[in-house]
C-alpha atoms as a PDB file:
ATOM      1  CA  MET A   1      24.683  -1.200  36.468  1.00  0.00           C
ATOM      2  CA  ALA A   2      20.884  -1.178  36.247  1.00  0.00           C
ATOM      3  CA  GLU A   3      20.873   2.601  36.006  1.00  0.00           C
ATOM      4  CA  ALA A   4      23.307   2.496  33.070  1.00  0.00           C
ATOM      5  CA  PHE A   5      21.085  -0.032  31.314  1.00  0.00           C
ATOM      6  CA  VAL A   6      17.965   2.087  31.779  1.00  0.00           C
ATOM      7  CA  LEU A   7      19.767   5.231  30.582  1.00  0.00           C
ATOM      8  CA  ALA A   8      21.134   3.398  27.541  1.00  0.00           C
ATOM      9  CA  ARG A   9      17.646   2.168  26.634  1.00  0.00           C
ATOM     10  CA  TYR A  10      16.243   5.655  27.047  1.00  0.00           C
ATOM     11  CA  HIS A  11      18.892   7.211  24.792  1.00  0.00           C
ATOM     12  CA  LEU A  12      18.454   4.477  22.196  1.00  0.00           C
ATOM     13  CA  TYR A  13      14.736   5.089  22.094  1.00  0.00           C
ATOM     14  CA  GLU A  14      15.206   8.838  21.916  1.00  0.00           C
ATOM     15  CA  GLN A  15      17.915   8.770  19.237  1.00  0.00           C
ATOM     16  CA  VAL A  16      16.656   5.919  17.040  1.00  0.00           C
ATOM     17  CA  HIS A  17      12.972   5.210  17.543  1.00  0.00           C
ATOM     18  CA  LEU A  18      11.921   8.847  17.750  1.00  0.00           C
ATOM     19  CA  HIS A  19      14.256  10.000  14.966  1.00  0.00           C
ATOM     20  CA  LYS A  20      12.449  11.852  12.190  1.00  0.00           C
ATOM     21  CA  THR A  21      13.704   9.452   9.497  1.00  0.00           C
ATOM     22  CA  THR A  22      12.518   6.403  11.406  1.00  0.00           C
ATOM     23  CA  ARG A  23       9.111   7.905  12.033  1.00  0.00           C
ATOM     24  CA  GLY A  24       8.828   9.031   8.409  1.00  0.00           C
ATOM     25  CA  MET A  25       9.673   5.566   7.118  1.00  0.00           C
ATOM     26  CA  GLU A  26       7.107   4.025   9.458  1.00  0.00           C
ATOM     27  CA  LYS A  27       4.451   6.295   7.966  1.00  0.00           C
ATOM     28  CA  LEU A  28       5.557   5.566   4.394  1.00  0.00           C
ATOM     29  CA  VAL A  29       5.609   1.782   4.906  1.00  0.00           C
ATOM     30  CA  GLY A  30       2.180   2.076   6.522  1.00  0.00           C
ATOM     31  CA  LYS A  31       0.837   3.894   3.474  1.00  0.00           C
ATOM     32  CA  VAL A  32       2.318   1.299   1.091  1.00  0.00           C
ATOM     33  CA  LEU A  33       0.780  -1.502   3.154  1.00  0.00           C
ATOM     34  CA  GLY A  34      -2.482   0.444   3.164  1.00  0.00           C
ATOM     35  CA  GLN A  35      -2.463   0.347  -0.638  1.00  0.00           C
ATOM     36  CA  VAL A  36      -1.940  -3.427  -0.546  1.00  0.00           C
ATOM     37  CA  ALA A  37      -4.733  -3.823   2.008  1.00  0.00           C
ATOM     38  CA  SER A  38      -7.112  -1.718  -0.063  1.00  0.00           C
ATOM     39  CA  ALA A  39      -6.354  -3.637  -3.241  1.00  0.00           C
ATOM     40  CA  ALA A  40      -6.656  -6.999  -1.461  1.00  0.00           C
ATOM     41  CA  ALA A  41      -9.977  -6.062   0.145  1.00  0.00           C
ATOM     42  CA  SER A  42     -11.455  -5.019  -3.186  1.00  0.00           C
ATOM     43  CA  GLY A  43     -10.040  -8.048  -5.036  1.00  0.00           C
ATOM     44  CA  GLU A  44      -8.040  -5.752  -7.320  1.00  0.00           C
ATOM     45  CA  ALA A  45      -4.445  -6.692  -6.438  1.00  0.00           C
ATOM     46  CA  GLY A  46      -3.623  -6.698 -10.135  1.00  0.00           C
ATOM     47  CA  ARG A  47      -4.034  -2.921 -10.343  1.00  0.00           C
ATOM     48  CA  ILE A  48      -0.930  -2.527  -8.134  1.00  0.00           C
ATOM     49  CA  ASP A  49       0.961  -5.301  -9.983  1.00  0.00           C
ATOM     50  CA  LEU A  50       0.509  -7.906  -7.252  1.00  0.00           C
ATOM     51  CA  ASP A  51      -1.292 -11.185  -7.789  1.00  0.00           C
ATOM     52  CA  GLY A  52      -3.682 -13.014  -5.520  1.00  0.00           C
ATOM     53  CA  ASN A  53      -0.949 -15.438  -4.446  1.00  0.00           C
ATOM     54  CA  ASP A  54       1.314 -12.704  -3.106  1.00  0.00           C
ATOM     55  CA  PRO A  55       1.773 -13.315   0.640  1.00  0.00           C
ATOM     56  CA  LEU A  56       0.896  -9.706   1.476  1.00  0.00           C
ATOM     57  CA  VAL A  57      -2.276  -9.856  -0.591  1.00  0.00           C
ATOM     58  CA  ARG A  58      -3.232 -13.101   1.150  1.00  0.00           C
ATOM     59  CA  PHE A  59      -2.434 -11.528   4.524  1.00  0.00           C
ATOM     60  CA  PHE A  60      -4.762  -8.591   3.894  1.00  0.00           C
ATOM     61  CA  GLY A  61      -7.340 -10.723   2.101  1.00  0.00           C
ATOM     62  CA  PRO A  62     -10.547 -12.176   3.535  1.00  0.00           C
ATOM     63  CA  ASN A  63      -8.844 -15.277   4.969  1.00  0.00           C
ATOM     64  CA  GLY A  64      -5.723 -13.483   6.184  1.00  0.00           C
ATOM     65  CA  GLY A  65      -6.546 -13.928   9.848  1.00  0.00           C
ATOM     66  CA  SER A  66      -4.812 -17.289  10.134  1.00  0.00           C
ATOM     67  CA  THR A  67      -1.702 -17.777  12.237  1.00  0.00           C
ATOM     68  CA  GLU A  68       0.285 -18.818   9.164  1.00  0.00           C
ATOM     69  CA  ALA A  69      -0.702 -15.657   7.294  1.00  0.00           C
ATOM     70  CA  TYR A  70       0.261 -13.551  10.307  1.00  0.00           C
ATOM     71  CA  PHE A  71       3.767 -14.991  10.668  1.00  0.00           C
ATOM     72  CA  ASN A  72       4.548 -15.227   6.943  1.00  0.00           C
ATOM     73  CA  PRO A  73       5.131 -11.552   5.979  1.00  0.00           C
ATOM     74  CA  ASP A  74       8.573 -10.105   6.631  1.00  0.00           C
ATOM     75  CA  ASP A  75      10.579  -7.164   5.359  1.00  0.00           C
ATOM     76  CA  THR A  76      11.739  -9.106   2.289  1.00  0.00           C
ATOM     77  CA  LEU A  77       8.138  -9.568   1.175  1.00  0.00           C
ATOM     78  CA  VAL A  78       7.377  -5.888   1.735  1.00  0.00           C
ATOM     79  CA  TRP A  79      10.398  -4.782  -0.313  1.00  0.00           C
ATOM     80  CA  ALA A  80       9.574  -7.254  -3.101  1.00  0.00           C
ATOM     81  CA  ALA A  81       5.955  -6.100  -3.217  1.00  0.00           C
ATOM     82  CA  ALA A  82       7.026  -2.451  -3.208  1.00  0.00           C
ATOM     83  CA  SER A  83       9.412  -3.146  -6.078  1.00  0.00           C
ATOM     84  CA  ARG A  84       6.574  -4.615  -8.156  1.00  0.00           C
ATOM     85  CA  MET A  85       4.177  -1.858  -7.105  1.00  0.00           C
ATOM     86  CA  ALA A  86       6.637   0.827  -8.266  1.00  0.00           C
ATOM     87  CA  SER A  87       5.925  -0.066 -11.893  1.00  0.00           C
ATOM     88  CA  SER A  88       2.154  -0.359 -11.544  1.00  0.00           C
ATOM     89  CA  ASN A  89      -0.334   1.840 -13.391  1.00  0.00           C
ATOM     90  CA  ASP A  90      -1.909   2.919 -10.096  1.00  0.00           C
ATOM     91  CA  CYS A  91      -0.386   6.372  -9.661  1.00  0.00           C
ATOM     92  CA  ARG A  92      -0.697   6.590  -5.870  1.00  0.00           C
ATOM     93  CA  ALA A  93       0.640   3.085  -5.213  1.00  0.00           C
ATOM     94  CA  SER A  94       3.546   3.435  -7.629  1.00  0.00           C
ATOM     95  CA  THR A  95       4.537   6.847  -6.256  1.00  0.00           C
ATOM     96  CA  LEU A  96       4.551   5.596  -2.669  1.00  0.00           C
ATOM     97  CA  ALA A  97       6.470   2.437  -3.606  1.00  0.00           C
ATOM     98  CA  ARG A  98       9.114   4.397  -5.540  1.00  0.00           C
ATOM     99  CA  ARG A  99       9.679   6.641  -2.531  1.00  0.00           C
ATOM    100  CA  LEU A 100      10.591   3.766  -0.196  1.00  0.00           C
ATOM    101  CA  PRO A 101      14.143   2.905  -1.371  1.00  0.00           C
ATOM    102  CA  GLY A 102      15.261   6.543  -1.369  1.00  0.00           C
ATOM    103  CA  ARG A 103      13.487   7.362   1.905  1.00  0.00           C
ATOM    104  CA  GLU A 104      11.779  10.253   0.164  1.00  0.00           C
ATOM    105  CA  ARG A 105       9.016  12.127   1.909  1.00  0.00           C
END
């Protein structure tokens, strides 16, 4: 029984976590969050169509190290921020954000 469990976990990891689509999406989400972090650090969240009260901007902002800020962001906030970023005037941020829903490279 234990052997079956270990083998199942191994195959899950191999087939899902190491899949090229999963790894590509991880990179893309990381780049989108990098744009948010950059804008928050420079105080220019408006250039990517996010405001200073956005939970992701607060998370990456100067006081984002609190426990509340750490536990607040979830995938819904990331998708909402990406949706707003897709229409921003910042070419790099909008391009990355538009690629997320279609899983485009």
